[in-house]
N, C-alpha and C. Protein backbone atom coordinates (compact mmCIF):
# COMPACT_ATOMS: atom_id res chain seq x y z
N MET A 1 88.46 68.79 140.56
CA MET A 1 89.51 69.67 141.14
C MET A 1 91.21 69.09 140.45
N MET A 2 92.08 69.98 140.67
CA MET A 2 93.77 69.29 140.11
C MET A 2 94.18 69.01 141.43
N SER A 3 94.89 67.93 140.90
CA SER A 3 95.45 67.22 142.10
C SER A 3 96.91 67.78 142.68
N GLY A 4 97.57 67.90 143.45
CA GLY A 4 98.67 68.09 143.88
C GLY A 4 99.93 68.29 143.14
N ARG A 5 99.76 66.81 142.15
CA ARG A 5 100.49 66.88 141.17
C ARG A 5 100.77 67.79 139.63
N ASP A 6 99.04 67.89 139.78
CA ASP A 6 98.76 68.33 138.72
C ASP A 6 99.10 70.23 138.59
N ALA A 7 98.95 70.44 139.75
CA ALA A 7 98.62 72.33 140.13
C ALA A 7 100.72 72.04 140.41
N TRP A 8 101.70 71.40 140.20
CA TRP A 8 103.06 71.57 140.52
C TRP A 8 103.41 71.23 139.13
N THR A 9 102.49 70.89 138.59
CA THR A 9 103.15 70.68 136.77
C THR A 9 102.35 71.82 136.23
N ASN A 10 101.54 72.07 135.94
CA ASN A 10 101.44 73.21 135.70
C ASN A 10 102.03 74.64 135.85
N GLY A 11 102.23 74.59 137.22
CA GLY A 11 103.24 75.54 137.58
C GLY A 11 104.58 75.80 137.25
N LYS A 12 104.91 74.66 137.08
CA LYS A 12 106.33 74.55 136.73
C LYS A 12 106.40 74.40 135.14
N ARG A 13 105.06 74.82 134.57
CA ARG A 13 105.67 74.92 132.81
C ARG A 13 105.29 76.32 132.48
N ALA A 14 104.39 76.98 133.42
CA ALA A 14 104.18 78.15 133.53
C ALA A 14 105.63 79.18 133.74
N HIS A 15 106.49 78.69 134.44
CA HIS A 15 107.49 79.56 134.91
C HIS A 15 108.91 78.56 133.68
N GLU A 16 108.78 77.52 132.81
CA GLU A 16 109.68 77.18 132.06
C GLU A 16 109.96 78.39 131.08
N PRO A 17 110.99 78.90 130.21
CA PRO A 17 111.30 79.77 129.64
C PRO A 17 110.98 79.05 127.89
N VAL A 18 110.35 79.95 127.40
CA VAL A 18 110.06 79.78 125.86
C VAL A 18 111.17 79.38 124.97
N LYS A 19 111.13 78.38 124.17
CA LYS A 19 112.42 78.07 123.75
C LYS A 19 112.47 79.11 122.42
N MET A 20 113.46 79.42 122.25
CA MET A 20 114.17 80.21 121.08
C MET A 20 114.63 79.12 120.02
N GLU A 21 114.50 80.03 118.66
CA GLU A 21 115.10 78.70 117.36
C GLU A 21 116.44 79.74 117.21
N PRO A 22 117.41 78.46 117.09
CA PRO A 22 119.00 79.10 117.42
C PRO A 22 118.80 80.15 115.99
N ASP A 23 119.95 80.86 116.20
CA ASP A 23 120.32 82.09 115.45
C ASP A 23 120.46 81.98 114.28
N TRP A 24 121.19 80.56 113.86
CA TRP A 24 121.43 80.14 112.23
C TRP A 24 120.37 80.01 111.65
N GLN A 25 119.13 79.63 112.16
CA GLN A 25 117.54 78.93 111.81
C GLN A 25 116.84 80.60 111.08
N CYS A 26 117.34 81.53 112.08
CA CYS A 26 116.72 83.13 111.62
C CYS A 26 117.68 83.45 110.73
N GLU A 27 118.57 83.90 110.77
CA GLU A 27 119.35 84.12 109.19
C GLU A 27 119.71 83.39 108.37
N ARG A 28 118.89 81.94 108.11
CA ARG A 28 118.24 81.42 107.44
C ARG A 28 117.34 81.96 106.52
N TRP A 29 116.31 82.33 107.59
CA TRP A 29 114.84 82.53 106.91
C TRP A 29 114.63 84.16 106.69
N ILE A 30 115.91 85.09 106.95
CA ILE A 30 116.18 86.21 106.67
C ILE A 30 116.73 86.47 105.39
N ASN A 31 117.51 85.20 104.90
CA ASN A 31 118.42 85.27 103.78
C ASN A 31 117.35 84.72 102.57
N MET A 32 116.76 83.56 102.97
CA MET A 32 115.57 83.41 102.20
C MET A 32 114.28 84.53 101.47
N GLU A 33 114.55 85.18 102.48
CA GLU A 33 113.51 86.51 102.17
C GLU A 33 113.98 87.00 101.39
N GLN A 34 115.30 87.67 101.30
CA GLN A 34 116.06 88.37 100.51
C GLN A 34 116.30 87.97 99.33
N THR A 35 116.81 86.80 99.47
CA THR A 35 116.90 85.94 98.04
C THR A 35 115.66 86.05 97.33
N ASN A 36 114.65 85.42 97.87
CA ASN A 36 113.33 86.10 97.13
C ASN A 36 113.07 87.07 96.39
N ALA A 37 113.25 88.04 97.45
CA ALA A 37 113.46 89.86 96.74
C ALA A 37 113.96 89.94 95.63
N LEU A 38 115.17 89.50 95.73
CA LEU A 38 116.25 89.93 94.89
C LEU A 38 115.62 89.03 93.39
N VAL A 39 115.32 88.05 93.49
CA VAL A 39 114.69 87.03 92.41
C VAL A 39 113.93 88.05 91.92
N ALA A 40 112.59 88.01 92.44
CA ALA A 40 111.83 89.18 92.67
C ALA A 40 111.73 90.55 91.41
N ASN A 41 113.12 91.23 91.95
CA ASN A 41 113.61 92.40 91.23
C ASN A 41 113.96 92.16 89.95
N ILE A 42 115.10 91.00 89.95
CA ILE A 42 115.47 90.55 88.81
C ILE A 42 114.86 89.98 87.87
N VAL A 43 113.38 89.35 87.89
CA VAL A 43 112.28 88.92 87.26
C VAL A 43 111.81 90.14 86.82
N ALA A 44 111.08 91.24 87.47
CA ALA A 44 110.51 92.11 86.90
C ALA A 44 111.22 93.35 86.32
N ALA A 45 112.85 93.14 86.34
CA ALA A 45 113.77 94.25 85.42
C ALA A 45 113.81 93.43 84.06
N ILE A 46 113.87 91.98 84.09
CA ILE A 46 113.86 91.31 82.77
C ILE A 46 112.60 91.37 82.16
N SER A 47 111.33 91.48 83.06
CA SER A 47 110.46 91.37 82.58
C SER A 47 110.20 93.01 81.43
N LEU A 48 110.66 93.92 82.65
CA LEU A 48 110.93 95.61 81.65
C LEU A 48 111.49 95.66 80.57
N PHE A 49 112.56 94.92 80.68
CA PHE A 49 113.60 95.38 79.73
C PHE A 49 112.93 94.38 78.15
N VAL A 50 112.40 92.95 78.36
CA VAL A 50 111.75 92.37 77.28
C VAL A 50 110.52 93.43 76.73
N SER A 51 109.95 93.93 77.53
CA SER A 51 108.60 94.63 77.54
C SER A 51 109.18 95.99 76.65
N LEU A 52 109.88 96.47 76.34
CA LEU A 52 110.67 97.76 76.49
C LEU A 52 111.52 97.37 74.80
N VAL A 53 111.81 96.04 74.82
CA VAL A 53 112.73 95.67 73.54
C VAL A 53 111.32 95.33 72.55
N LEU A 54 110.68 94.69 72.91
CA LEU A 54 109.32 94.51 72.36
C LEU A 54 108.77 95.66 71.88
N ALA A 55 108.60 96.48 72.47
CA ALA A 55 107.49 97.85 72.11
C ALA A 55 108.84 98.22 71.05
N THR A 56 110.22 98.68 71.29
CA THR A 56 110.60 99.16 70.40
C THR A 56 110.65 98.66 68.59
N TYR A 57 110.52 97.42 68.83
CA TYR A 57 110.45 96.80 67.65
C TYR A 57 108.71 96.88 66.85
N TYR A 58 107.82 96.86 67.94
CA TYR A 58 106.82 96.85 67.22
C TYR A 58 106.87 98.73 66.88
N ILE A 59 107.19 99.66 67.58
CA ILE A 59 107.19 100.78 67.29
C ILE A 59 107.93 100.95 65.83
N ARG A 60 109.05 99.99 65.83
CA ARG A 60 109.66 100.34 64.51
C ARG A 60 109.15 100.00 63.53
N ASP A 61 108.45 98.63 63.18
CA ASP A 61 108.08 97.61 62.51
C ASP A 61 106.49 98.82 62.18
N ARG A 62 105.76 99.39 62.64
CA ARG A 62 105.11 100.25 62.27
C ARG A 62 105.47 101.35 61.34
N GLN A 63 106.48 101.79 61.90
CA GLN A 63 107.18 102.78 60.82
C GLN A 63 107.48 102.36 59.66
N ILE A 64 107.93 101.23 59.71
CA ILE A 64 108.52 100.44 58.57
C ILE A 64 106.91 100.28 57.52
N THR A 65 105.89 100.00 58.28
CA THR A 65 104.72 99.77 57.39
C THR A 65 104.47 100.96 56.75
N LYS A 66 104.11 101.83 58.12
CA LYS A 66 103.29 103.24 57.21
C LYS A 66 104.33 103.73 56.17
N LEU A 67 105.85 103.93 56.24
CA LEU A 67 106.70 103.89 55.15
C LEU A 67 106.68 103.54 54.07
N SER A 68 106.25 102.19 54.01
CA SER A 68 105.79 101.10 52.83
C SER A 68 104.70 101.81 52.31
N VAL A 69 103.87 101.85 53.17
CA VAL A 69 102.75 102.32 52.66
C VAL A 69 102.68 103.66 51.96
N GLU A 70 103.11 104.53 52.46
CA GLU A 70 103.45 105.91 51.55
C GLU A 70 104.45 105.95 50.37
N LYS A 71 105.74 105.05 50.38
CA LYS A 71 106.22 104.85 49.43
C LYS A 71 105.33 104.65 48.01
N ALA A 72 104.48 103.66 48.49
CA ALA A 72 104.06 103.16 47.58
C ALA A 72 103.05 104.37 46.98
N TYR A 73 102.41 104.95 47.18
CA TYR A 73 101.50 105.99 47.07
C TYR A 73 102.57 106.95 46.06
N VAL A 74 103.82 107.42 47.04
CA VAL A 74 104.63 108.79 46.26
C VAL A 74 105.35 108.03 45.36
N ASP A 75 105.48 106.63 45.00
CA ASP A 75 106.21 106.16 43.72
C ASP A 75 105.32 106.44 42.55
N GLU A 76 103.21 106.58 42.72
CA GLU A 76 103.25 106.38 41.87
C GLU A 76 102.48 107.90 41.46
N LEU A 77 102.56 109.05 42.35
CA LEU A 77 102.51 110.56 42.11
C LEU A 77 103.83 110.70 41.37
N LEU A 78 105.28 109.82 42.34
CA LEU A 78 106.13 110.69 41.25
C LEU A 78 106.16 110.23 39.90
N SER A 79 105.55 108.98 39.85
CA SER A 79 105.30 108.19 38.00
C SER A 79 104.55 109.11 37.48
N TRP A 80 103.87 109.65 38.11
CA TRP A 80 102.70 110.67 37.22
C TRP A 80 103.51 112.28 37.19
N CYS A 81 104.00 112.56 37.96
CA CYS A 81 104.62 113.90 38.14
C CYS A 81 105.56 113.77 36.63
N ASN A 82 106.35 112.80 36.90
CA ASN A 82 107.94 112.63 35.73
C ASN A 82 106.98 112.48 34.19
N ASP A 83 105.86 111.96 34.12
CA ASP A 83 105.20 112.11 32.68
C ASP A 83 104.97 113.25 32.39
N VAL A 84 104.32 114.21 33.19
CA VAL A 84 103.57 115.57 33.42
C VAL A 84 104.86 116.45 32.77
N LEU A 85 105.98 116.16 33.36
CA LEU A 85 107.24 117.14 33.60
C LEU A 85 107.80 116.79 32.14
N LYS A 86 107.89 115.64 31.64
CA LYS A 86 108.27 115.05 30.45
C LYS A 86 107.37 115.74 29.09
N THR A 87 106.27 115.88 29.30
CA THR A 87 105.37 116.21 28.59
C THR A 87 105.50 117.78 28.48
N ILE A 88 105.73 118.55 29.16
CA ILE A 88 105.86 120.17 29.31
C ILE A 88 107.55 120.19 28.97
N GLY A 89 108.10 119.66 29.21
CA GLY A 89 109.70 119.52 28.48
C GLY A 89 109.24 119.65 26.63
N ARG A 90 108.66 118.21 26.63
CA ARG A 90 108.16 118.37 24.75
C ARG A 90 107.69 119.51 24.34
N LEU A 91 106.47 120.22 25.17
CA LEU A 91 105.77 121.30 24.30
C LEU A 91 106.94 122.30 24.24
N ARG A 92 107.44 122.61 25.16
CA ARG A 92 108.84 123.63 25.16
C ARG A 92 109.41 123.51 23.90
N LEU A 93 109.86 122.47 23.74
CA LEU A 93 111.02 122.40 22.63
C LEU A 93 109.89 122.23 21.23
N ALA A 94 108.89 121.59 21.17
CA ALA A 94 108.02 121.86 20.03
C ALA A 94 107.78 123.24 19.61
N ALA A 95 107.44 124.01 20.90
CA ALA A 95 107.13 125.24 20.79
C ALA A 95 108.20 126.09 20.34
N GLU A 96 109.16 126.33 20.42
CA GLU A 96 110.42 126.77 20.25
C GLU A 96 110.95 126.59 19.05
N THR A 97 110.47 125.26 18.34
CA THR A 97 111.36 124.81 16.97
C THR A 97 110.06 124.94 16.03
N GLY A 98 108.81 125.88 16.36
CA GLY A 98 107.90 125.80 15.27
C GLY A 98 106.82 124.83 15.45
N ALA A 99 107.15 123.56 15.73
CA ALA A 99 106.02 122.72 15.03
C ALA A 99 104.54 122.19 16.04
N ARG A 100 104.11 123.31 15.35
CA ARG A 100 102.47 123.23 15.25
C ARG A 100 101.76 122.43 16.17
N THR A 101 101.97 121.02 15.00
CA THR A 101 101.09 119.84 14.73
C THR A 101 101.66 118.85 16.18
N ARG A 102 103.18 119.25 16.24
CA ARG A 102 103.44 118.67 17.64
C ARG A 102 103.13 118.89 18.67
N VAL A 103 103.09 120.53 18.55
CA VAL A 103 102.26 121.07 20.10
C VAL A 103 100.97 120.85 20.37
N THR A 104 100.02 120.46 19.23
CA THR A 104 98.67 120.07 19.75
C THR A 104 99.04 118.88 20.10
N GLU A 105 99.27 118.04 19.69
CA GLU A 105 99.66 116.39 19.97
C GLU A 105 99.81 116.54 21.74
N LEU A 106 101.32 116.83 21.95
CA LEU A 106 101.36 117.19 22.97
C LEU A 106 100.40 117.72 24.08
N ARG A 107 99.86 119.14 23.62
CA ARG A 107 98.41 119.37 24.55
C ARG A 107 97.55 118.35 24.72
N SER A 108 97.26 117.54 24.15
CA SER A 108 96.25 116.28 24.03
C SER A 108 96.92 115.74 24.79
N ASP A 109 98.42 115.37 25.12
CA ASP A 109 98.92 114.64 26.29
C ASP A 109 98.60 115.22 27.67
N LEU A 110 98.99 116.43 27.47
CA LEU A 110 98.84 116.97 29.00
C LEU A 110 97.83 117.13 29.36
N SER A 111 96.57 116.78 28.32
CA SER A 111 95.35 117.07 28.75
C SER A 111 94.73 115.74 29.93
N VAL A 112 95.09 115.12 29.16
CA VAL A 112 94.80 113.37 29.58
C VAL A 112 95.51 113.12 30.75
N LEU A 113 96.74 113.51 31.24
CA LEU A 113 97.49 114.08 32.23
C LEU A 113 97.01 114.78 33.19
N ILE A 114 96.18 115.54 33.00
CA ILE A 114 95.62 116.74 34.00
C ILE A 114 94.52 115.71 34.49
N ASP A 115 93.86 115.13 33.65
CA ASP A 115 92.30 114.21 34.25
C ASP A 115 93.11 113.27 35.29
N GLN A 116 94.40 112.27 34.86
CA GLN A 116 95.02 111.85 35.68
C GLN A 116 95.24 112.05 36.97
N GLY A 117 95.52 113.74 37.29
CA GLY A 117 95.82 113.98 38.38
C GLY A 117 94.58 114.44 39.33
N ARG A 118 93.66 114.48 38.89
CA ARG A 118 92.70 114.40 39.59
C ARG A 118 92.54 113.23 41.08
N PHE A 119 93.46 112.02 40.37
CA PHE A 119 93.28 111.15 41.34
C PHE A 119 93.89 110.99 42.44
N PHE A 120 95.07 112.03 42.03
CA PHE A 120 95.96 112.97 43.17
C PHE A 120 95.99 113.98 43.91
N PHE A 121 95.13 114.97 43.26
CA PHE A 121 94.81 116.17 43.66
C PHE A 121 93.29 116.13 43.13
N PRO A 122 92.42 115.50 44.30
CA PRO A 122 91.22 116.04 43.69
C PRO A 122 90.59 117.22 44.03
N ASN A 123 89.62 117.28 43.12
CA ASN A 123 89.03 118.64 43.74
C ASN A 123 88.74 119.65 45.24
N ILE A 124 88.30 120.21 45.29
CA ILE A 124 88.49 120.74 46.62
C ILE A 124 86.83 121.39 47.02
N ASP A 125 86.42 120.64 47.90
CA ASP A 125 84.54 121.24 48.69
C ASP A 125 84.87 122.33 49.33
N LYS A 126 84.52 123.29 49.34
CA LYS A 126 84.07 124.79 50.18
C LYS A 126 83.30 124.35 50.68
N GLY A 127 82.09 123.77 50.69
CA GLY A 127 80.84 123.60 50.99
C GLY A 127 79.90 124.48 50.67
N ASP A 128 80.23 124.90 49.30
CA ASP A 128 79.29 125.98 48.83
C ASP A 128 78.42 125.52 47.77
N ASN A 129 78.55 124.04 47.34
CA ASN A 129 77.97 123.74 46.39
C ASN A 129 78.27 123.58 44.90
N PHE A 130 79.51 124.45 44.70
CA PHE A 130 80.10 124.64 43.54
C PHE A 130 80.19 123.82 42.35
N GLY A 131 79.93 123.30 41.42
CA GLY A 131 80.15 122.62 40.37
C GLY A 131 79.12 120.92 40.89
N ALA A 132 78.04 121.53 41.74
CA ALA A 132 77.33 120.49 42.05
C ALA A 132 76.74 119.43 41.02
N HIS A 133 76.37 120.45 39.90
CA HIS A 133 75.55 119.78 38.73
C HIS A 133 76.61 119.01 38.07
N LYS A 134 77.86 119.06 38.02
CA LYS A 134 78.78 118.29 37.42
C LYS A 134 79.24 117.16 37.87
N PRO A 135 80.06 116.15 36.95
CA PRO A 135 80.12 114.38 37.39
C PRO A 135 81.18 114.65 38.56
N PRO A 136 81.40 113.62 39.68
CA PRO A 136 81.46 113.98 40.61
C PRO A 136 83.38 114.08 40.69
N ALA A 137 83.98 114.06 39.86
CA ALA A 137 85.24 114.02 39.71
C ALA A 137 85.45 115.60 39.19
N PHE A 138 84.44 116.09 38.71
CA PHE A 138 84.74 117.74 38.42
C PHE A 138 84.15 118.77 39.59
N ARG A 139 83.40 118.01 40.32
CA ARG A 139 82.59 119.07 41.55
C ARG A 139 83.68 119.65 42.23
N GLY A 140 83.44 121.08 42.94
CA GLY A 140 84.16 121.93 43.65
C GLY A 140 84.77 122.40 42.65
N TYR A 141 86.13 122.78 43.42
CA TYR A 141 87.27 123.73 42.49
C TYR A 141 88.33 122.74 42.30
N ARG A 142 89.12 123.08 41.35
CA ARG A 142 90.09 122.19 40.91
C ARG A 142 91.06 123.03 41.95
N ASN A 143 92.12 121.68 42.33
CA ASN A 143 93.22 121.43 43.39
C ASN A 143 94.16 122.94 41.96
N LEU A 144 94.97 123.59 43.15
CA LEU A 144 95.48 124.52 42.66
C LEU A 144 97.49 123.47 42.15
N ALA A 145 97.69 122.55 42.16
CA ALA A 145 98.59 121.88 41.42
C ALA A 145 97.87 121.81 39.81
N LEU A 146 96.78 121.46 40.23
CA LEU A 146 96.01 121.17 38.35
C LEU A 146 95.91 122.34 37.70
N ASP A 147 95.75 123.87 38.38
CA ASP A 147 95.43 124.84 37.94
C ASP A 147 96.81 125.38 36.68
N PHE A 148 97.84 125.08 37.82
CA PHE A 148 99.23 125.54 36.99
C PHE A 148 99.65 124.76 35.54
N LEU A 149 98.96 123.03 35.66
CA LEU A 149 98.83 122.73 34.55
C LEU A 149 98.25 123.20 33.41
N VAL A 150 96.58 123.04 33.82
CA VAL A 150 96.07 123.98 32.88
C VAL A 150 96.25 124.88 32.16
N ALA A 151 97.05 126.22 33.15
CA ALA A 151 97.44 127.22 32.62
C ALA A 151 98.85 126.98 31.48
N ILE A 152 99.45 126.11 31.63
CA ILE A 152 100.50 125.85 30.63
C ILE A 152 99.69 125.31 29.46
N TYR A 153 98.57 124.54 29.79
CA TYR A 153 97.84 124.15 28.39
C TYR A 153 97.28 125.09 27.83
N ASN A 154 97.04 126.17 28.25
CA ASN A 154 96.05 127.44 27.93
C ASN A 154 97.57 128.12 27.16
N ILE A 155 98.43 128.16 27.70
CA ILE A 155 99.54 129.28 27.24
C ILE A 155 100.20 128.75 25.89
N TYR A 156 100.31 127.11 25.51
CA TYR A 156 100.60 126.60 24.40
C TYR A 156 99.22 126.77 23.56
N GLY A 157 98.70 126.73 23.72
CA GLY A 157 97.78 127.09 22.93
C GLY A 157 97.33 128.62 22.19
N GLU A 158 97.94 128.94 22.58
CA GLU A 158 98.37 130.62 21.84
C GLU A 158 99.26 130.35 21.00
N GLU A 159 99.56 131.35 20.60
CA GLU A 159 100.93 131.92 19.86
C GLU A 159 102.01 132.22 20.09
N PRO A 160 102.82 131.15 19.40
CA PRO A 160 104.39 130.77 20.66
C PRO A 160 105.26 131.95 20.00
N SER A 161 106.15 132.59 21.64
CA SER A 161 106.39 133.59 22.09
C SER A 161 107.56 133.22 23.06
N ASP A 162 108.59 133.93 22.88
CA ASP A 162 109.22 133.82 24.31
C ASP A 162 108.64 134.39 25.37
N GLU A 163 108.05 134.77 25.60
CA GLU A 163 106.96 135.28 26.82
C GLU A 163 106.25 134.27 27.12
N ASN A 164 105.60 133.91 26.13
CA ASN A 164 104.62 132.39 26.34
C ASN A 164 105.51 131.09 27.08
N ILE A 165 106.59 131.20 26.30
CA ILE A 165 107.47 129.97 26.93
C ILE A 165 108.13 130.24 28.28
N ARG A 166 108.31 131.30 28.74
CA ARG A 166 108.41 132.13 29.99
C ARG A 166 107.59 131.80 31.01
N ARG A 167 106.24 132.12 30.72
CA ARG A 167 105.42 132.04 31.27
C ARG A 167 104.87 130.56 31.71
N ALA A 168 104.79 130.23 30.82
CA ALA A 168 104.85 128.45 31.07
C ALA A 168 105.98 127.90 32.07
N GLU A 169 107.21 127.99 32.04
CA GLU A 169 108.11 127.60 32.52
C GLU A 169 107.92 128.39 34.16
N HIS A 170 107.09 129.83 34.17
CA HIS A 170 107.31 129.45 35.85
C HIS A 170 106.16 129.23 36.27
N MET A 171 105.04 128.54 35.59
CA MET A 171 103.99 127.81 35.63
C MET A 171 104.39 126.34 36.25
N ARG A 172 105.59 125.75 35.66
CA ARG A 172 105.78 124.24 35.54
C ARG A 172 106.63 124.73 37.01
N ARG A 173 107.31 125.42 37.35
CA ARG A 173 108.17 125.53 38.48
C ARG A 173 106.82 125.57 39.57
N TYR A 174 105.86 126.30 39.70
CA TYR A 174 105.47 126.33 40.54
C TYR A 174 104.70 124.65 40.99
N PHE A 175 103.86 124.38 39.69
CA PHE A 175 103.77 122.67 40.05
C PHE A 175 104.46 122.38 40.81
N LEU A 176 105.97 122.25 40.18
CA LEU A 176 106.83 121.29 40.71
C LEU A 176 106.75 121.11 42.09
N SER A 177 106.74 122.53 42.42
CA SER A 177 107.44 122.98 43.82
C SER A 177 105.56 122.40 44.94
N VAL A 178 104.72 122.73 44.43
CA VAL A 178 103.05 121.76 45.09
C VAL A 178 103.48 120.39 45.28
N VAL A 179 104.31 119.88 44.45
CA VAL A 179 104.25 118.21 44.09
C VAL A 179 105.30 117.93 45.16
N PHE A 180 106.21 118.75 45.22
CA PHE A 180 107.75 118.61 46.34
C PHE A 180 106.92 119.04 47.67
N GLU A 181 106.05 120.01 47.97
CA GLU A 181 105.40 120.22 49.17
C GLU A 181 104.57 118.69 49.80
N VAL A 182 104.05 118.17 49.02
CA VAL A 182 103.31 117.00 49.14
C VAL A 182 104.01 115.95 49.58
N VAL A 183 105.01 115.77 48.71
CA VAL A 183 106.34 114.67 48.75
C VAL A 183 107.03 114.90 50.38
N ASN A 184 107.64 116.23 50.38
CA ASN A 184 108.03 116.36 51.86
C ASN A 184 109.54 115.31 51.37
N PRO A 185 110.77 115.46 50.78
CA PRO A 185 111.77 114.98 51.00
C PRO A 185 112.42 114.63 51.87
N ARG A 186 112.27 116.06 52.35
CA ARG A 186 113.16 116.19 53.70
C ARG A 186 112.63 115.25 54.93
N ASP A 187 111.49 115.61 55.00
CA ASP A 187 110.88 115.02 56.08
C ASP A 187 111.11 112.96 55.71
N ARG A 188 110.63 113.02 54.83
CA ARG A 188 110.87 111.40 54.27
C ARG A 188 112.49 111.04 54.41
N LEU A 189 113.27 111.50 54.21
CA LEU A 189 115.05 111.61 54.35
C LEU A 189 115.00 111.15 55.86
N ASN A 190 114.63 112.07 56.74
CA ASN A 190 114.60 112.09 58.48
C ASN A 190 113.85 110.61 58.84
N ARG A 191 112.68 110.57 58.29
CA ARG A 191 112.05 109.44 58.75
C ARG A 191 112.66 107.85 58.54
N ILE A 192 113.51 107.85 57.27
CA ILE A 192 114.49 106.82 56.92
C ILE A 192 115.25 107.17 57.52
N ARG A 193 115.95 107.86 57.67
CA ARG A 193 117.17 107.93 58.98
C ARG A 193 116.84 107.18 60.26
N SER A 194 115.65 107.47 60.74
CA SER A 194 115.06 106.69 61.97
C SER A 194 115.17 105.75 62.60
N ILE A 195 115.11 104.78 60.94
CA ILE A 195 114.98 103.58 60.81
C ILE A 195 116.34 102.61 60.12
N THR A 196 116.88 103.37 59.57
CA THR A 196 118.00 102.85 59.05
C THR A 196 119.45 103.36 59.83
N ASP A 197 119.19 104.31 60.47
CA ASP A 197 120.47 105.50 60.76
C ASP A 197 121.44 105.94 59.84
N ARG A 198 120.69 106.02 58.52
CA ARG A 198 121.85 106.69 57.60
C ARG A 198 120.79 107.91 56.98
N TYR A 199 121.36 109.00 56.76
CA TYR A 199 120.45 109.95 55.80
C TYR A 199 120.76 110.26 54.39
N TYR A 200 120.15 109.76 53.47
CA TYR A 200 120.41 109.56 51.88
C TYR A 200 120.15 111.05 51.13
N SER A 201 121.17 111.47 51.73
CA SER A 201 121.21 113.16 50.92
C SER A 201 122.73 113.57 51.56
N ASP A 202 123.70 114.18 50.57
CA ASP A 202 124.62 115.31 50.84
C ASP A 202 124.25 116.76 51.25
N GLU A 203 124.42 117.14 52.14
CA GLU A 203 123.82 118.58 52.60
C GLU A 203 124.92 119.42 52.34
N ARG A 204 124.90 119.69 51.31
CA ARG A 204 126.19 120.33 50.54
C ARG A 204 126.14 121.43 49.26
N ILE A 205 126.34 122.61 49.26
CA ILE A 205 126.28 123.68 47.98
C ILE A 205 127.11 123.31 47.61
N TYR A 206 127.19 124.60 46.47
CA TYR A 206 128.46 124.61 45.42
C TYR A 206 129.36 125.15 46.27
N GLU A 207 129.20 126.39 47.34
CA GLU A 207 130.05 127.10 47.87
C GLU A 207 130.81 125.99 48.81
N ASP A 208 130.17 124.92 49.00
CA ASP A 208 130.88 123.82 49.89
C ASP A 208 131.71 123.14 49.61
N PHE A 209 131.69 122.96 47.77
CA PHE A 209 133.05 121.90 47.15
C PHE A 209 133.92 122.73 47.50
N HIS A 210 135.03 121.69 47.09
CA HIS A 210 136.55 121.93 46.72
C HIS A 210 137.12 123.26 46.27
N GLU A 211 137.66 124.25 47.29
CA GLU A 211 138.50 125.64 46.55
C GLU A 211 138.72 125.19 45.03
N ASP A 212 139.72 123.87 44.94
CA ASP A 212 140.46 123.83 44.14
C ASP A 212 140.10 123.04 42.85
N LYS A 213 138.10 122.65 43.36
CA LYS A 213 137.93 121.86 42.24
C LYS A 213 136.84 122.87 41.63
N ARG A 214 136.85 124.04 42.07
CA ARG A 214 135.22 124.73 41.57
C ARG A 214 135.49 125.20 40.50
N GLY A 215 136.89 125.36 39.56
CA GLY A 215 136.69 125.95 38.57
C GLY A 215 136.40 124.90 37.62
N ALA A 216 136.25 123.51 37.51
CA ALA A 216 135.74 122.49 36.59
C ALA A 216 134.30 122.72 36.54
N LEU A 217 133.71 123.50 37.61
CA LEU A 217 132.20 123.76 37.42
C LEU A 217 131.67 124.90 37.29
N ASP A 218 132.68 125.99 37.28
CA ASP A 218 132.18 127.45 36.61
C ASP A 218 131.53 127.52 35.91
N TYR A 219 131.86 126.79 34.44
CA TYR A 219 131.43 127.03 33.15
C TYR A 219 130.14 126.95 33.09
N ILE A 220 128.97 125.91 34.35
CA ILE A 220 128.04 125.57 33.79
C ILE A 220 126.91 126.80 34.38
N TRP A 221 127.59 127.64 35.06
CA TRP A 221 126.37 128.80 35.63
C TRP A 221 126.41 129.70 34.36
N ARG A 222 125.28 130.39 34.47
CA ARG A 222 124.78 131.18 33.62
C ARG A 222 125.63 132.72 34.19
N LYS A 223 125.76 133.42 33.09
CA LYS A 223 126.45 134.67 33.73
C LYS A 223 125.46 135.76 33.89
């Protein structure tokens, strides 16, 4: 049993008001919470910014790597194409001057270039086993780019004539157009611009040339 003193003490404590923390302590606590939240937001923003920067550099690095790999392949393709065009040009000159022995030599060179071209334009497998009995490099259907070169080879095997030279020139243009579509220079220029912020081509035609300077170039056009 509680004594009278204990009962009086407990009753007194029960009716004592709860002590509240001073206002300045509450404000300090609230300020600390706000500061922590602000710091957390700043850290999150910085982390996001760093992540975006790293992602941007990663994407650009991937683009540069892809462009480098592509450039190496395109350089080899254009080197081969350059040799082909030189040989065709010499063939035309030899045919026009009646140098039959030279034509024969150059046709042999073109034949070698056609075989080299199989590494850039391999035969096409249509799934019908065409040429299945042949060696691997010759199975399937010959690529259109090489068909144009074979046509030129055959044309210069005929008797020289203005008509044959004209036909060979048409085949040369078709061949060059196929290579042009494969290389796709406009797309390459746009991708280079996305990395370097420069477009390495002048988008002008003859009609865009300054009027007072056109006269200097008029003589180059065939009437």
